[in-house]
Amino acid sequence: MLGASAATEPARRLFAALLRRLGRAAGAVMLLLGAGLLSSWLLVTGTDSPGLFTGGLFAHAAASALLIGLCAEHHRSGGRHGVLRAVLEFPGLTWLGRISYSLYLWHWPVIVLMEPGGIALFGEWTHTLLVIVVSLTLAAGSTHLIENPVRFRAGWARGWRGAAVLVLVSAGLLCLWLLLPAPEGQQIDVDLL
């Protein structure tokens, strides 16, 4: 919600006003926001991290939306090239950005289906690397073969070919849904209420 609101016209005006107020310090503020976000990724060790669910996730989302809004407005206003812009325009990061939605869709099923217990052959770090590689490969493939052709109205995505792809993808998703284990029922201790 914060990310979507950061793309609205009132938010863009707010970011423009903030950039004008920050002046030359804008680049440093954006670098600090980026460094803070990276630090939080390294410091949070899991769902039991202190503060994660008592404002930490909201603070992370707010900092991310602020950083993205400031960077977009800085770019839109013709801001000079800085370190942060060079980092954000790094080809690997822009490629990751192009497949990010597909990666968002694929990462969790891959994590669940490739849980470490089922792959005893690999160590923890090797398993993590394997999950990342499989997730990126599936995301890149589905972006290139499904998402982009549909989004850019490719000829094969229309008519009977498009219908056939829809049926095949739907069947694949149904199989994936059947393979994923059902979540455990939530146990609620009513005595604690």
N, C-alpha and C. Protein backbone atom coordinates (compact mmCIF):
# COMPACT_ATOMS: atom_id res chain seq x y z
N MET A 1 0.82 -1.19 0.00
CA MET A 1 0.00 0.00 0.00
C MET A 1 0.87 1.26 0.00
N LEU A 2 1.95 1.20 0.78
CA LEU A 2 2.84 2.37 0.81
C LEU A 2 3.50 2.57 -0.55
N GLY A 3 3.91 1.48 -1.18
CA GLY A 3 4.54 1.58 -2.50
C GLY A 3 3.58 2.14 -3.53
N ALA A 4 2.33 1.67 -3.49
CA ALA A 4 1.33 2.18 -4.43
C ALA A 4 1.03 3.65 -4.18
N SER A 5 0.95 4.03 -2.91
CA SER A 5 0.67 5.43 -2.60
C SER A 5 1.84 6.33 -2.99
N ALA A 6 3.06 5.78 -2.97
CA ALA A 6 4.24 6.58 -3.36
C ALA A 6 4.22 6.92 -4.84
N ALA A 7 3.43 6.19 -5.62
CA ALA A 7 3.37 6.45 -7.07
C ALA A 7 2.26 7.43 -7.44
N THR A 8 1.51 7.91 -6.47
CA THR A 8 0.41 8.84 -6.76
C THR A 8 0.96 10.25 -6.98
N GLU A 9 0.16 11.07 -7.61
CA GLU A 9 0.57 12.45 -7.90
C GLU A 9 0.82 13.26 -6.63
N PRO A 10 -0.03 13.19 -5.59
CA PRO A 10 0.27 13.95 -4.37
C PRO A 10 1.61 13.53 -3.74
N ALA A 11 1.90 12.23 -3.76
CA ALA A 11 3.17 11.77 -3.20
C ALA A 11 4.34 12.28 -4.05
N ARG A 12 4.18 12.29 -5.36
CA ARG A 12 5.25 12.78 -6.23
C ARG A 12 5.53 14.26 -5.95
N ARG A 13 4.48 15.04 -5.72
CA ARG A 13 4.69 16.46 -5.37
C ARG A 13 5.41 16.57 -4.03
N LEU A 14 5.05 15.70 -3.09
CA LEU A 14 5.71 15.69 -1.78
C LEU A 14 7.19 15.35 -1.91
N PHE A 15 7.51 14.34 -2.74
CA PHE A 15 8.91 13.97 -2.96
C PHE A 15 9.69 15.10 -3.63
N ALA A 16 9.05 15.79 -4.59
CA ALA A 16 9.70 16.92 -5.27
C ALA A 16 10.00 18.03 -4.27
N ALA A 17 9.03 18.32 -3.39
CA ALA A 17 9.25 19.36 -2.37
C ALA A 17 10.35 18.94 -1.40
N LEU A 18 10.37 17.67 -1.03
CA LEU A 18 11.40 17.17 -0.11
C LEU A 18 12.78 17.26 -0.75
N LEU A 19 12.88 16.93 -2.03
CA LEU A 19 14.17 17.03 -2.73
C LEU A 19 14.65 18.47 -2.78
N ARG A 20 13.73 19.40 -3.05
CA ARG A 20 14.12 20.82 -3.07
C ARG A 20 14.63 21.25 -1.70
N ARG A 21 13.94 20.82 -0.65
CA ARG A 21 14.32 21.20 0.72
C ARG A 21 15.68 20.59 1.10
N LEU A 22 15.92 19.35 0.67
CA LEU A 22 17.18 18.69 1.01
C LEU A 22 18.36 19.28 0.23
N GLY A 23 18.10 19.74 -0.98
CA GLY A 23 19.16 20.33 -1.80
C GLY A 23 20.28 19.35 -2.06
N ARG A 24 21.50 19.77 -1.76
CA ARG A 24 22.67 18.92 -2.02
C ARG A 24 22.74 17.71 -1.12
N ALA A 25 22.03 17.74 -0.01
CA ALA A 25 22.06 16.61 0.93
C ALA A 25 21.17 15.46 0.47
N ALA A 26 20.40 15.64 -0.62
CA ALA A 26 19.47 14.61 -1.08
C ALA A 26 20.19 13.30 -1.38
N GLY A 27 21.32 13.37 -2.06
CA GLY A 27 22.06 12.16 -2.38
C GLY A 27 22.50 11.41 -1.14
N ALA A 28 22.98 12.16 -0.15
CA ALA A 28 23.42 11.53 1.10
C ALA A 28 22.24 10.88 1.83
N VAL A 29 21.08 11.55 1.81
CA VAL A 29 19.89 11.00 2.47
C VAL A 29 19.48 9.70 1.77
N MET A 30 19.51 9.69 0.45
CA MET A 30 19.13 8.48 -0.29
C MET A 30 20.13 7.36 -0.03
N LEU A 31 21.42 7.69 0.02
CA LEU A 31 22.42 6.67 0.35
C LEU A 31 22.22 6.11 1.75
N LEU A 32 21.90 6.98 2.71
CA LEU A 32 21.65 6.52 4.08
C LEU A 32 20.42 5.62 4.15
N LEU A 33 19.36 5.99 3.42
CA LEU A 33 18.17 5.13 3.38
C LEU A 33 18.52 3.76 2.80
N GLY A 34 19.27 3.75 1.71
CA GLY A 34 19.69 2.48 1.09
C GLY A 34 20.55 1.66 2.02
N ALA A 35 21.50 2.31 2.69
CA ALA A 35 22.37 1.59 3.63
C ALA A 35 21.56 1.05 4.82
N GLY A 36 20.59 1.84 5.28
CA GLY A 36 19.74 1.38 6.39
C GLY A 36 18.92 0.16 6.00
N LEU A 37 18.39 0.17 4.78
CA LEU A 37 17.61 -0.99 4.32
C LEU A 37 18.50 -2.22 4.19
N LEU A 38 19.68 -2.05 3.61
CA LEU A 38 20.61 -3.18 3.49
C LEU A 38 21.01 -3.71 4.87
N SER A 39 21.25 -2.82 5.80
CA SER A 39 21.61 -3.23 7.16
C SER A 39 20.48 -4.02 7.81
N SER A 40 19.26 -3.58 7.59
CA SER A 40 18.12 -4.30 8.20
C SER A 40 18.03 -5.71 7.64
N TRP A 41 18.36 -5.89 6.36
CA TRP A 41 18.31 -7.24 5.79
C TRP A 41 19.35 -8.14 6.44
N LEU A 42 20.48 -7.57 6.82
CA LEU A 42 21.53 -8.37 7.45
C LEU A 42 21.26 -8.62 8.93
N LEU A 43 20.57 -7.70 9.59
CA LEU A 43 20.37 -7.80 11.04
C LEU A 43 19.14 -8.63 11.41
N VAL A 44 18.15 -8.67 10.55
CA VAL A 44 16.94 -9.44 10.85
C VAL A 44 17.24 -10.91 10.56
N THR A 45 17.08 -11.73 11.59
CA THR A 45 17.46 -13.14 11.47
C THR A 45 16.27 -14.08 11.30
N GLY A 46 15.09 -13.58 11.29
CA GLY A 46 13.92 -14.43 11.11
C GLY A 46 12.70 -13.80 11.75
N THR A 47 11.66 -14.58 11.83
CA THR A 47 10.40 -14.05 12.33
C THR A 47 10.43 -13.72 13.81
N ASP A 48 11.43 -14.21 14.52
CA ASP A 48 11.51 -13.91 15.96
C ASP A 48 12.39 -12.70 16.26
N SER A 49 12.81 -11.97 15.22
CA SER A 49 13.62 -10.77 15.43
C SER A 49 12.82 -9.72 16.20
N PRO A 50 13.44 -9.09 17.19
CA PRO A 50 12.73 -8.09 17.98
C PRO A 50 12.25 -6.93 17.12
N GLY A 51 11.01 -6.54 17.32
CA GLY A 51 10.46 -5.38 16.64
C GLY A 51 9.97 -5.62 15.23
N LEU A 52 10.18 -6.82 14.69
CA LEU A 52 9.80 -7.07 13.31
C LEU A 52 8.31 -6.87 13.08
N PHE A 53 7.49 -7.43 13.95
CA PHE A 53 6.04 -7.34 13.77
C PHE A 53 5.41 -6.25 14.62
N THR A 54 6.22 -5.46 15.30
CA THR A 54 5.70 -4.34 16.09
C THR A 54 6.19 -3.02 15.53
N GLY A 55 6.17 -2.92 14.21
CA GLY A 55 6.55 -1.68 13.55
C GLY A 55 7.75 -1.81 12.63
N GLY A 56 8.53 -2.87 12.78
CA GLY A 56 9.73 -3.03 11.96
C GLY A 56 9.42 -3.20 10.48
N LEU A 57 8.44 -4.04 10.16
CA LEU A 57 8.07 -4.24 8.76
C LEU A 57 7.47 -2.96 8.16
N PHE A 58 6.68 -2.25 8.96
CA PHE A 58 6.12 -0.98 8.48
C PHE A 58 7.24 0.04 8.23
N ALA A 59 8.19 0.12 9.15
CA ALA A 59 9.31 1.06 8.98
C ALA A 59 10.11 0.71 7.73
N HIS A 60 10.32 -0.58 7.49
CA HIS A 60 11.04 -1.02 6.30
C HIS A 60 10.29 -0.63 5.04
N ALA A 61 8.97 -0.87 5.03
CA ALA A 61 8.16 -0.52 3.87
C ALA A 61 8.15 0.99 3.64
N ALA A 62 8.06 1.77 4.73
CA ALA A 62 8.05 3.23 4.61
C ALA A 62 9.39 3.74 4.08
N ALA A 63 10.49 3.19 4.60
CA ALA A 63 11.82 3.60 4.13
C ALA A 63 12.01 3.23 2.66
N SER A 64 11.52 2.05 2.27
CA SER A 64 11.63 1.62 0.86
C SER A 64 10.82 2.54 -0.05
N ALA A 65 9.59 2.84 0.35
CA ALA A 65 8.75 3.73 -0.46
C ALA A 65 9.37 5.12 -0.57
N LEU A 66 9.92 5.61 0.53
CA LEU A 66 10.57 6.92 0.53
C LEU A 66 11.78 6.92 -0.39
N LEU A 67 12.61 5.89 -0.30
CA LEU A 67 13.80 5.79 -1.15
C LEU A 67 13.42 5.71 -2.62
N ILE A 68 12.45 4.87 -2.95
CA ILE A 68 12.03 4.72 -4.34
C ILE A 68 11.43 6.03 -4.85
N GLY A 69 10.59 6.66 -4.04
CA GLY A 69 9.99 7.93 -4.45
C GLY A 69 11.03 9.02 -4.67
N LEU A 70 11.99 9.12 -3.76
CA LEU A 70 13.04 10.13 -3.90
C LEU A 70 13.91 9.85 -5.13
N CYS A 71 14.27 8.58 -5.33
CA CYS A 71 15.09 8.24 -6.50
C CYS A 71 14.35 8.53 -7.80
N ALA A 72 13.07 8.16 -7.86
CA ALA A 72 12.29 8.40 -9.08
C ALA A 72 12.15 9.89 -9.35
N GLU A 73 11.87 10.66 -8.31
CA GLU A 73 11.71 12.11 -8.50
C GLU A 73 13.05 12.76 -8.85
N HIS A 74 14.11 12.29 -8.25
CA HIS A 74 15.45 12.81 -8.55
C HIS A 74 15.77 12.56 -10.02
N HIS A 75 15.45 11.36 -10.49
CA HIS A 75 15.70 11.02 -11.90
C HIS A 75 14.80 11.86 -12.81
N ARG A 76 13.53 11.99 -12.44
CA ARG A 76 12.56 12.73 -13.25
C ARG A 76 12.95 14.20 -13.36
N SER A 77 13.51 14.75 -12.29
CA SER A 77 13.86 16.17 -12.30
C SER A 77 15.23 16.43 -12.92
N GLY A 78 15.84 15.38 -13.46
CA GLY A 78 17.13 15.55 -14.12
C GLY A 78 18.29 15.69 -13.16
N GLY A 79 18.16 15.08 -11.99
CA GLY A 79 19.23 15.14 -10.99
C GLY A 79 20.53 14.58 -11.53
N ARG A 80 21.62 15.10 -11.02
CA ARG A 80 22.92 14.66 -11.54
C ARG A 80 23.21 13.22 -11.13
N HIS A 81 24.07 12.61 -11.90
CA HIS A 81 24.42 11.21 -11.66
C HIS A 81 25.24 11.11 -10.38
N GLY A 82 24.83 10.23 -9.51
CA GLY A 82 25.54 10.03 -8.26
C GLY A 82 25.83 8.57 -8.05
N VAL A 83 26.38 8.26 -6.90
CA VAL A 83 26.74 6.89 -6.57
C VAL A 83 25.50 6.01 -6.52
N LEU A 84 24.45 6.50 -5.86
CA LEU A 84 23.23 5.70 -5.73
C LEU A 84 22.63 5.39 -7.10
N ARG A 85 22.61 6.38 -7.97
CA ARG A 85 22.06 6.14 -9.31
C ARG A 85 22.90 5.12 -10.06
N ALA A 86 24.21 5.21 -9.93
CA ALA A 86 25.08 4.24 -10.58
C ALA A 86 24.82 2.82 -10.06
N VAL A 87 24.61 2.71 -8.76
CA VAL A 87 24.31 1.40 -8.16
C VAL A 87 22.97 0.89 -8.68
N LEU A 88 21.94 1.76 -8.67
CA LEU A 88 20.61 1.34 -9.08
C LEU A 88 20.52 1.04 -10.58
N GLU A 89 21.42 1.61 -11.38
CA GLU A 89 21.42 1.33 -12.81
C GLU A 89 22.36 0.19 -13.18
N PHE A 90 22.90 -0.49 -12.19
CA PHE A 90 23.76 -1.66 -12.43
C PHE A 90 22.94 -2.70 -13.20
N PRO A 91 23.47 -3.24 -14.31
CA PRO A 91 22.68 -4.15 -15.16
C PRO A 91 22.06 -5.34 -14.41
N GLY A 92 22.76 -5.91 -13.46
CA GLY A 92 22.20 -7.04 -12.71
C GLY A 92 20.98 -6.64 -11.91
N LEU A 93 21.01 -5.44 -11.33
CA LEU A 93 19.86 -4.97 -10.55
C LEU A 93 18.68 -4.62 -11.45
N THR A 94 18.95 -4.02 -12.61
CA THR A 94 17.84 -3.69 -13.51
C THR A 94 17.22 -4.97 -14.06
N TRP A 95 18.02 -5.99 -14.34
CA TRP A 95 17.48 -7.28 -14.78
C TRP A 95 16.61 -7.89 -13.68
N LEU A 96 17.09 -7.83 -12.45
CA LEU A 96 16.32 -8.34 -11.32
C LEU A 96 15.01 -7.57 -11.18
N GLY A 97 15.04 -6.28 -11.41
CA GLY A 97 13.83 -5.48 -11.37
C GLY A 97 12.83 -5.89 -12.44
N ARG A 98 13.34 -6.24 -13.62
CA ARG A 98 12.45 -6.64 -14.71
C ARG A 98 11.76 -7.98 -14.43
N ILE A 99 12.39 -8.86 -13.67
CA ILE A 99 11.78 -10.16 -13.38
C ILE A 99 11.21 -10.21 -11.96
N SER A 100 11.18 -9.08 -11.27
CA SER A 100 10.82 -9.08 -9.85
C SER A 100 9.42 -9.61 -9.56
N TYR A 101 8.46 -9.30 -10.42
CA TYR A 101 7.11 -9.79 -10.15
C TYR A 101 7.06 -11.31 -10.27
N SER A 102 7.67 -11.85 -11.32
CA SER A 102 7.71 -13.30 -11.46
C SER A 102 8.50 -13.94 -10.33
N LEU A 103 9.56 -13.29 -9.89
CA LEU A 103 10.34 -13.81 -8.76
C LEU A 103 9.49 -13.82 -7.50
N TYR A 104 8.69 -12.79 -7.32
CA TYR A 104 7.76 -12.73 -6.19
C TYR A 104 6.80 -13.92 -6.23
N LEU A 105 6.32 -14.26 -7.43
CA LEU A 105 5.38 -15.37 -7.56
C LEU A 105 6.04 -16.73 -7.35
N TRP A 106 7.29 -16.90 -7.78
CA TRP A 106 7.95 -18.20 -7.77
C TRP A 106 8.69 -18.53 -6.48
N HIS A 107 9.19 -17.54 -5.77
CA HIS A 107 10.14 -17.85 -4.69
C HIS A 107 9.54 -18.73 -3.60
N TRP A 108 8.31 -18.47 -3.20
CA TRP A 108 7.75 -19.24 -2.09
C TRP A 108 7.47 -20.70 -2.45
N PRO A 109 6.84 -21.01 -3.60
CA PRO A 109 6.68 -22.42 -3.95
C PRO A 109 8.02 -23.16 -4.06
N VAL A 110 9.04 -22.49 -4.58
CA VAL A 110 10.36 -23.13 -4.68
C VAL A 110 10.91 -23.41 -3.29
N ILE A 111 10.78 -22.45 -2.38
CA ILE A 111 11.27 -22.65 -1.01
C ILE A 111 10.55 -23.83 -0.36
N VAL A 112 9.22 -23.90 -0.53
CA VAL A 112 8.44 -24.96 0.10
C VAL A 112 8.76 -26.32 -0.52
N LEU A 113 8.82 -26.38 -1.85
CA LEU A 113 9.05 -27.66 -2.52
C LEU A 113 10.48 -28.16 -2.38
N MET A 114 11.41 -27.26 -2.12
CA MET A 114 12.81 -27.67 -1.99
C MET A 114 13.29 -27.54 -0.55
N GLU A 115 12.44 -27.89 0.39
CA GLU A 115 12.84 -27.75 1.78
C GLU A 115 14.07 -28.61 2.07
N PRO A 116 14.94 -28.13 2.96
CA PRO A 116 16.24 -28.77 3.17
C PRO A 116 16.17 -30.24 3.53
N GLY A 117 15.15 -30.67 4.24
CA GLY A 117 15.06 -32.07 4.64
C GLY A 117 15.00 -33.01 3.45
N GLY A 118 14.40 -32.56 2.36
CA GLY A 118 14.26 -33.40 1.18
C GLY A 118 15.53 -33.48 0.34
N ILE A 119 16.47 -32.58 0.58
CA ILE A 119 17.71 -32.55 -0.21
C ILE A 119 18.88 -32.65 0.75
N ALA A 120 19.09 -33.81 1.30
CA ALA A 120 20.14 -34.02 2.31
C ALA A 120 21.54 -33.95 1.70
N LEU A 121 21.60 -34.03 0.39
CA LEU A 121 22.89 -34.03 -0.30
C LEU A 121 23.62 -32.70 -0.16
N PHE A 122 22.88 -31.62 0.04
CA PHE A 122 23.46 -30.29 0.06
C PHE A 122 23.54 -29.73 1.47
N GLY A 123 24.52 -28.87 1.70
CA GLY A 123 24.61 -28.15 2.96
C GLY A 123 23.65 -26.97 2.95
N GLU A 124 23.56 -26.25 4.05
CA GLU A 124 22.61 -25.14 4.18
C GLU A 124 22.86 -24.04 3.14
N TRP A 125 24.11 -23.61 2.99
CA TRP A 125 24.42 -22.53 2.05
C TRP A 125 24.23 -22.99 0.60
N THR A 126 24.60 -24.24 0.32
CA THR A 126 24.42 -24.76 -1.03
C THR A 126 22.94 -24.87 -1.35
N HIS A 127 22.16 -25.30 -0.37
CA HIS A 127 20.71 -25.39 -0.55
C HIS A 127 20.12 -24.01 -0.83
N THR A 128 20.53 -23.01 -0.07
CA THR A 128 20.04 -21.65 -0.26
C THR A 128 20.40 -21.16 -1.66
N LEU A 129 21.62 -21.39 -2.08
CA LEU A 129 22.06 -20.98 -3.42
C LEU A 129 21.24 -21.70 -4.50
N LEU A 130 20.97 -22.98 -4.29
CA LEU A 130 20.17 -23.74 -5.24
C LEU A 130 18.75 -23.18 -5.34
N VAL A 131 18.15 -22.85 -4.20
CA VAL A 131 16.81 -22.26 -4.19
C VAL A 131 16.82 -20.93 -4.94
N ILE A 132 17.83 -20.12 -4.74
CA ILE A 132 17.93 -18.82 -5.43
C ILE A 132 18.05 -19.03 -6.93
N VAL A 133 18.92 -19.96 -7.34
CA VAL A 133 19.13 -20.21 -8.77
C VAL A 133 17.85 -20.74 -9.43
N VAL A 134 17.18 -21.67 -8.78
CA VAL A 134 15.93 -22.22 -9.34
C VAL A 134 14.86 -21.13 -9.40
N SER A 135 14.74 -20.33 -8.35
CA SER A 135 13.74 -19.25 -8.34
C SER A 135 14.01 -18.24 -9.45
N LEU A 136 15.28 -17.83 -9.59
CA LEU A 136 15.63 -16.87 -10.64
C LEU A 136 15.40 -17.45 -12.03
N THR A 137 15.72 -18.72 -12.22
CA THR A 137 15.54 -19.36 -13.52
C THR A 137 14.06 -19.43 -13.89
N LEU A 138 13.22 -19.87 -12.94
CA LEU A 138 11.79 -19.93 -13.20
C LEU A 138 11.20 -18.54 -13.43
N ALA A 139 11.66 -17.56 -12.65
CA ALA A 139 11.16 -16.19 -12.80
C ALA A 139 11.55 -15.61 -14.16
N ALA A 140 12.80 -15.82 -14.56
CA ALA A 140 13.25 -15.31 -15.86
C ALA A 140 12.48 -16.00 -16.99
N GLY A 141 12.29 -17.30 -16.87
CA GLY A 141 11.55 -18.04 -17.89
C GLY A 141 10.10 -17.60 -18.00
N SER A 142 9.43 -17.47 -16.86
CA SER A 142 8.01 -17.08 -16.93
C SER A 142 7.85 -15.62 -17.35
N THR A 143 8.82 -14.77 -17.00
CA THR A 143 8.76 -13.38 -17.47
C THR A 143 8.89 -13.34 -18.99
N HIS A 144 9.87 -14.07 -19.51
CA HIS A 144 10.15 -14.06 -20.95
C HIS A 144 9.08 -14.79 -21.75
N LEU A 145 8.60 -15.94 -21.24
CA LEU A 145 7.69 -16.77 -22.02
C LEU A 145 6.21 -16.47 -21.79
N ILE A 146 5.86 -15.92 -20.63
CA ILE A 146 4.44 -15.70 -20.34
C ILE A 146 4.12 -14.22 -20.11
N GLU A 147 4.77 -13.64 -19.13
CA GLU A 147 4.41 -12.28 -18.71
C GLU A 147 4.62 -11.25 -19.82
N ASN A 148 5.82 -11.18 -20.38
CA ASN A 148 6.09 -10.18 -21.41
C ASN A 148 5.28 -10.37 -22.68
N PRO A 149 5.15 -11.61 -23.20
CA PRO A 149 4.31 -11.76 -24.40
C PRO A 149 2.86 -11.32 -24.19
N VAL A 150 2.30 -11.64 -23.03
CA VAL A 150 0.93 -11.23 -22.76
C VAL A 150 0.88 -9.71 -22.58
N ARG A 151 1.84 -9.18 -21.84
CA ARG A 151 1.86 -7.74 -21.57
C ARG A 151 2.08 -6.94 -22.84
N PHE A 152 2.94 -7.43 -23.73
CA PHE A 152 3.25 -6.70 -24.95
C PHE A 152 2.47 -7.22 -26.17
N ARG A 153 1.41 -7.99 -25.90
CA ARG A 153 0.47 -8.47 -26.91
C ARG A 153 1.15 -9.23 -28.05
N ALA A 154 1.92 -10.22 -27.68
CA ALA A 154 2.58 -11.05 -28.70
C ALA A 154 1.52 -11.83 -29.49
N GLY A 155 1.81 -12.08 -30.74
CA GLY A 155 0.87 -12.78 -31.61
C GLY A 155 0.50 -14.16 -31.09
N TRP A 156 1.48 -14.89 -30.54
CA TRP A 156 1.18 -16.25 -30.10
C TRP A 156 0.29 -16.26 -28.85
N ALA A 157 0.17 -15.13 -28.14
CA ALA A 157 -0.65 -15.08 -26.94
C ALA A 157 -2.12 -14.86 -27.25
N ARG A 158 -2.46 -14.77 -28.54
CA ARG A 158 -3.84 -14.56 -28.96
C ARG A 158 -4.40 -15.84 -29.58
N GLY A 159 -5.70 -15.89 -29.72
CA GLY A 159 -6.35 -17.00 -30.42
C GLY A 159 -6.16 -18.34 -29.73
N TRP A 160 -6.08 -19.40 -30.56
CA TRP A 160 -6.00 -20.76 -30.01
C TRP A 160 -4.68 -21.01 -29.29
N ARG A 161 -3.59 -20.37 -29.75
CA ARG A 161 -2.30 -20.56 -29.06
C ARG A 161 -2.35 -19.97 -27.65
N GLY A 162 -2.92 -18.79 -27.54
CA GLY A 162 -3.05 -18.17 -26.22
C GLY A 162 -3.92 -19.01 -25.30
N ALA A 163 -5.01 -19.56 -25.85
CA ALA A 163 -5.89 -20.42 -25.05
C ALA A 163 -5.14 -21.68 -24.62
N ALA A 164 -4.35 -22.27 -25.52
CA ALA A 164 -3.60 -23.48 -25.19
C ALA A 164 -2.58 -23.19 -24.08
N VAL A 165 -1.90 -22.06 -24.19
CA VAL A 165 -0.93 -21.68 -23.15
C VAL A 165 -1.64 -21.47 -21.82
N LEU A 166 -2.79 -20.81 -21.86
CA LEU A 166 -3.57 -20.59 -20.64
C LEU A 166 -3.94 -21.92 -19.99
N VAL A 167 -4.39 -22.89 -20.79
CA VAL A 167 -4.77 -24.21 -20.25
C VAL A 167 -3.54 -24.91 -19.68
N LEU A 168 -2.42 -24.89 -20.39
CA LEU A 168 -1.19 -25.54 -19.90
C LEU A 168 -0.68 -24.91 -18.62
N VAL A 169 -0.66 -23.59 -18.58
CA VAL A 169 -0.18 -22.90 -17.37
C VAL A 169 -1.13 -23.16 -16.21
N SER A 170 -2.45 -23.15 -16.48
CA SER A 170 -3.42 -23.43 -15.43
C SER A 170 -3.25 -24.85 -14.90
N ALA A 171 -3.02 -25.80 -15.79
CA ALA A 171 -2.79 -27.18 -15.36
C ALA A 171 -1.52 -27.28 -14.53
N GLY A 172 -0.48 -26.58 -14.95
CA GLY A 172 0.77 -26.57 -14.18
C GLY A 172 0.58 -25.96 -12.80
N LEU A 173 -0.18 -24.88 -12.73
CA LEU A 173 -0.45 -24.25 -11.43
C LEU A 173 -1.30 -25.15 -10.55
N LEU A 174 -2.25 -25.88 -11.14
CA LEU A 174 -3.06 -26.82 -10.38
C LEU A 174 -2.18 -27.92 -9.80
N CYS A 175 -1.25 -28.44 -10.61
CA CYS A 175 -0.32 -29.46 -10.12
C CYS A 175 0.54 -28.90 -8.99
N LEU A 176 1.01 -27.69 -9.14
CA LEU A 176 1.81 -27.06 -8.10
C LEU A 176 1.00 -26.91 -6.82
N TRP A 177 -0.27 -26.51 -6.95
CA TRP A 177 -1.14 -26.36 -5.79
C TRP A 177 -1.34 -27.70 -5.10
N LEU A 178 -1.49 -28.77 -5.88
CA LEU A 178 -1.67 -30.10 -5.30
C LEU A 178 -0.41 -30.60 -4.61
N LEU A 179 0.76 -30.20 -5.11
CA LEU A 179 2.03 -30.63 -4.51
C LEU A 179 2.36 -29.90 -3.21
N LEU A 180 1.93 -28.65 -3.10
CA LEU A 180 2.26 -27.87 -1.92
C LEU A 180 1.49 -28.41 -0.71
N PRO A 181 2.18 -28.57 0.41
CA PRO A 181 1.48 -29.07 1.60
C PRO A 181 0.51 -28.03 2.14
N ALA A 182 -0.59 -28.52 2.70
CA ALA A 182 -1.58 -27.61 3.30
C ALA A 182 -0.99 -27.03 4.58
N PRO A 183 -1.27 -25.77 4.86
CA PRO A 183 -0.74 -25.18 6.09
C PRO A 183 -1.38 -25.86 7.31
N GLU A 184 -0.61 -25.91 8.37
CA GLU A 184 -1.13 -26.47 9.61
C GLU A 184 -2.20 -25.55 10.16
N GLY A 185 -3.20 -26.15 10.82
CA GLY A 185 -4.25 -25.35 11.43
C GLY A 185 -3.70 -24.51 12.55
N GLN A 186 -4.22 -23.33 12.69
CA GLN A 186 -3.78 -22.41 13.74
C GLN A 186 -4.34 -22.88 15.07
N GLN A 187 -3.47 -23.08 16.05
CA GLN A 187 -3.89 -23.45 17.39
C GLN A 187 -4.04 -22.20 18.23
N ILE A 188 -5.23 -21.97 18.73
CA ILE A 188 -5.49 -20.77 19.54
C ILE A 188 -5.83 -21.22 20.96
N ASP A 189 -5.06 -20.71 21.90
CA ASP A 189 -5.32 -21.00 23.30
C ASP A 189 -6.27 -19.94 23.83
N VAL A 190 -7.56 -20.31 23.97
CA VAL A 190 -8.57 -19.34 24.38
C VAL A 190 -8.39 -18.91 25.84
N ASP A 191 -7.62 -19.67 26.61
CA ASP A 191 -7.38 -19.27 28.01
C ASP A 191 -6.53 -18.00 28.08
N LEU A 192 -5.77 -17.71 27.03
CA LEU A 192 -4.91 -16.52 27.03
C LEU A 192 -5.67 -15.26 26.63
N LEU A 193 -6.89 -15.41 26.14
CA LEU A 193 -7.67 -14.25 25.69
C LEU A 193 -8.19 -13.42 26.82
